[in-house]
Amino acid sequence: MNFLSPDIKDLKQLGKNKQKEYANAKPFPNIVLDSFFNEEMLSQVLTDFPDLSKKRISLTTIITTKKTGS
């Protein structure tokens, strides 16, 4: 699955197009890239990631579970 939005055809060109905006941004260099990631991929991440608000779980448990598949 492509992680970037289908609207982004050339990542290097996007960087070139945003270069001045980044350099001139105040109070420090920054840019905002709306719709940068593929929405379907982000939805899948949300589905795969445990809902930590409903269960007290440690980061170690999450990492161990993902590694072992348990």
N, C-alpha and C. Protein backbone atom coordinates (compact mmCIF):
# COMPACT_ATOMS: atom_id res chain seq x y z
N MET A 1 0.85 -1.18 0.00
CA MET A 1 0.00 0.00 0.00
C MET A 1 0.89 1.24 0.00
N ASN A 2 0.53 2.21 -0.80
CA ASN A 2 1.26 3.46 -0.85
C ASN A 2 0.91 4.30 0.37
N PHE A 3 1.93 4.77 1.10
CA PHE A 3 1.71 5.54 2.30
C PHE A 3 1.32 6.99 2.03
N LEU A 4 1.69 7.50 0.86
CA LEU A 4 1.39 8.89 0.53
C LEU A 4 0.05 9.01 -0.18
N SER A 5 -0.53 10.18 -0.07
CA SER A 5 -1.79 10.47 -0.75
C SER A 5 -1.62 10.26 -2.25
N PRO A 6 -2.64 9.76 -2.93
CA PRO A 6 -2.55 9.59 -4.38
C PRO A 6 -2.36 10.93 -5.11
N ASP A 7 -2.68 12.04 -4.44
CA ASP A 7 -2.50 13.36 -5.05
C ASP A 7 -1.03 13.75 -5.16
N ILE A 8 -0.17 13.11 -4.39
CA ILE A 8 1.26 13.43 -4.42
C ILE A 8 1.93 12.51 -5.43
N LYS A 9 2.31 13.08 -6.54
CA LYS A 9 2.91 12.30 -7.63
C LYS A 9 4.44 12.30 -7.55
N ASP A 10 5.03 13.42 -7.07
CA ASP A 10 6.49 13.56 -7.05
C ASP A 10 6.89 14.23 -5.75
N LEU A 11 7.41 13.45 -4.82
CA LEU A 11 7.75 13.96 -3.50
C LEU A 11 8.89 14.98 -3.57
N LYS A 12 9.88 14.74 -4.41
CA LYS A 12 10.97 15.71 -4.55
C LYS A 12 10.46 17.04 -5.07
N GLN A 13 9.55 17.00 -6.02
CA GLN A 13 9.00 18.25 -6.57
C GLN A 13 8.16 18.97 -5.51
N LEU A 14 7.43 18.22 -4.71
CA LEU A 14 6.66 18.83 -3.62
C LEU A 14 7.60 19.58 -2.69
N GLY A 15 8.74 18.98 -2.35
CA GLY A 15 9.73 19.63 -1.51
C GLY A 15 10.26 20.91 -2.13
N LYS A 16 10.54 20.86 -3.42
CA LYS A 16 11.02 22.06 -4.12
C LYS A 16 9.95 23.15 -4.13
N ASN A 17 8.70 22.75 -4.35
CA ASN A 17 7.60 23.72 -4.39
C ASN A 17 7.37 24.39 -3.04
N LYS A 18 7.65 23.68 -1.96
CA LYS A 18 7.40 24.19 -0.61
C LYS A 18 8.63 24.83 0.03
N GLN A 19 9.76 24.83 -0.67
CA GLN A 19 11.03 25.29 -0.09
C GLN A 19 10.96 26.73 0.43
N LYS A 20 10.46 27.65 -0.37
CA LYS A 20 10.39 29.06 0.05
C LYS A 20 9.39 29.24 1.19
N GLU A 21 8.25 28.55 1.09
CA GLU A 21 7.24 28.62 2.15
C GLU A 21 7.86 28.17 3.48
N TYR A 22 8.62 27.09 3.43
CA TYR A 22 9.28 26.58 4.63
C TYR A 22 10.28 27.59 5.19
N ALA A 23 11.14 28.08 4.32
CA ALA A 23 12.21 28.99 4.76
C ALA A 23 11.68 30.31 5.31
N ASN A 24 10.56 30.78 4.78
CA ASN A 24 10.03 32.09 5.17
C ASN A 24 8.97 32.04 6.27
N ALA A 25 8.60 30.86 6.70
CA ALA A 25 7.55 30.72 7.71
C ALA A 25 8.00 31.33 9.04
N LYS A 26 7.06 31.90 9.75
CA LYS A 26 7.33 32.52 11.05
C LYS A 26 6.50 31.83 12.12
N PRO A 27 6.94 31.69 13.30
CA PRO A 27 8.16 32.23 13.90
C PRO A 27 9.40 31.38 13.66
N PHE A 28 9.27 30.25 12.99
CA PHE A 28 10.40 29.38 12.67
C PHE A 28 10.06 28.64 11.38
N PRO A 29 11.07 28.13 10.67
CA PRO A 29 10.80 27.40 9.42
C PRO A 29 9.89 26.20 9.65
N ASN A 30 8.79 26.14 8.90
CA ASN A 30 7.86 25.01 8.99
C ASN A 30 6.91 25.04 7.80
N ILE A 31 6.29 23.92 7.53
CA ILE A 31 5.25 23.84 6.51
C ILE A 31 4.16 22.89 7.00
N VAL A 32 2.98 23.05 6.44
CA VAL A 32 1.87 22.15 6.71
C VAL A 32 1.54 21.44 5.40
N LEU A 33 1.49 20.13 5.46
CA LEU A 33 1.17 19.34 4.27
C LEU A 33 -0.17 18.65 4.50
N ASP A 34 -1.24 19.31 4.09
CA ASP A 34 -2.58 18.73 4.22
C ASP A 34 -2.70 17.52 3.30
N SER A 35 -3.40 16.51 3.77
CA SER A 35 -3.65 15.29 2.98
C SER A 35 -2.35 14.68 2.46
N PHE A 36 -1.34 14.61 3.31
CA PHE A 36 -0.04 14.07 2.91
C PHE A 36 -0.07 12.54 2.84
N PHE A 37 -0.72 11.92 3.83
CA PHE A 37 -0.77 10.46 3.88
C PHE A 37 -2.04 9.91 3.24
N ASN A 38 -1.93 8.70 2.75
CA ASN A 38 -3.05 7.98 2.17
C ASN A 38 -4.08 7.71 3.27
N GLU A 39 -5.30 8.18 3.10
CA GLU A 39 -6.36 8.05 4.11
C GLU A 39 -6.66 6.58 4.44
N GLU A 40 -6.65 5.70 3.44
CA GLU A 40 -6.92 4.28 3.69
C GLU A 40 -5.85 3.67 4.58
N MET A 41 -4.59 4.06 4.36
CA MET A 41 -3.49 3.54 5.17
C MET A 41 -3.63 4.03 6.61
N LEU A 42 -3.99 5.29 6.81
CA LEU A 42 -4.17 5.82 8.16
C LEU A 42 -5.34 5.12 8.87
N SER A 43 -6.39 4.84 8.15
CA SER A 43 -7.52 4.12 8.74
C SER A 43 -7.09 2.72 9.19
N GLN A 44 -6.25 2.07 8.39
CA GLN A 44 -5.75 0.74 8.74
C GLN A 44 -4.88 0.81 9.99
N VAL A 45 -4.07 1.85 10.11
CA VAL A 45 -3.24 2.03 11.30
C VAL A 45 -4.13 2.15 12.54
N LEU A 46 -5.18 2.94 12.44
CA LEU A 46 -6.11 3.08 13.57
C LEU A 46 -6.78 1.76 13.93
N THR A 47 -7.12 0.98 12.92
CA THR A 47 -7.75 -0.31 13.15
C THR A 47 -6.78 -1.28 13.83
N ASP A 48 -5.53 -1.27 13.40
CA ASP A 48 -4.52 -2.20 13.91
C ASP A 48 -4.02 -1.82 15.30
N PHE A 49 -4.06 -0.55 15.64
CA PHE A 49 -3.49 -0.09 16.91
C PHE A 49 -4.51 -0.25 18.02
N PRO A 50 -4.10 -0.76 19.17
CA PRO A 50 -5.06 -0.95 20.27
C PRO A 50 -5.59 0.38 20.80
N ASP A 51 -6.84 0.39 21.22
CA ASP A 51 -7.46 1.58 21.80
C ASP A 51 -7.01 1.68 23.26
N LEU A 52 -6.04 2.53 23.52
CA LEU A 52 -5.46 2.63 24.85
C LEU A 52 -6.38 3.32 25.84
N SER A 53 -7.41 3.98 25.37
CA SER A 53 -8.33 4.66 26.29
C SER A 53 -9.24 3.65 27.01
N LYS A 54 -9.39 2.47 26.44
CA LYS A 54 -10.29 1.47 27.02
C LYS A 54 -9.56 0.43 27.86
N LYS A 55 -8.24 0.41 27.77
CA LYS A 55 -7.50 -0.63 28.47
C LYS A 55 -6.17 -0.06 28.92
N ARG A 56 -5.83 -0.32 30.15
CA ARG A 56 -4.53 0.12 30.65
C ARG A 56 -3.49 -0.87 30.14
N ILE A 57 -2.61 -0.38 29.29
CA ILE A 57 -1.63 -1.24 28.66
C ILE A 57 -0.32 -0.47 28.51
N SER A 58 0.79 -1.14 28.68
CA SER A 58 2.08 -0.47 28.58
C SER A 58 2.60 -0.54 27.15
N LEU A 59 3.50 0.37 26.83
CA LEU A 59 4.12 0.38 25.52
C LEU A 59 4.91 -0.91 25.30
N THR A 60 5.53 -1.43 26.34
CA THR A 60 6.27 -2.69 26.25
C THR A 60 5.34 -3.82 25.82
N THR A 61 4.13 -3.86 26.36
CA THR A 61 3.16 -4.89 26.00
C THR A 61 2.79 -4.78 24.52
N ILE A 62 2.59 -3.56 24.04
CA ILE A 62 2.24 -3.35 22.63
C ILE A 62 3.35 -3.85 21.73
N ILE A 63 4.59 -3.49 22.04
CA ILE A 63 5.72 -3.88 21.21
C ILE A 63 5.89 -5.40 21.24
N THR A 64 5.82 -6.01 22.40
CA THR A 64 5.97 -7.46 22.54
C THR A 64 4.87 -8.18 21.77
N THR A 65 3.64 -7.70 21.87
CA THR A 65 2.51 -8.32 21.17
C THR A 65 2.72 -8.27 19.67
N LYS A 66 3.14 -7.12 19.15
CA LYS A 66 3.37 -6.99 17.71
C LYS A 66 4.49 -7.91 17.23
N LYS A 67 5.56 -8.05 18.04
CA LYS A 67 6.70 -8.88 17.64
C LYS A 67 6.34 -10.36 17.65
N THR A 68 5.58 -10.79 18.64
CA THR A 68 5.28 -12.22 18.78
C THR A 68 3.99 -12.63 18.09
N GLY A 69 3.15 -11.64 17.79
CA GLY A 69 1.87 -11.94 17.14
C GLY A 69 0.83 -12.46 18.11
N SER A 70 1.10 -12.36 19.41
CA SER A 70 0.17 -12.87 20.43
C SER A 70 -0.91 -11.87 20.74
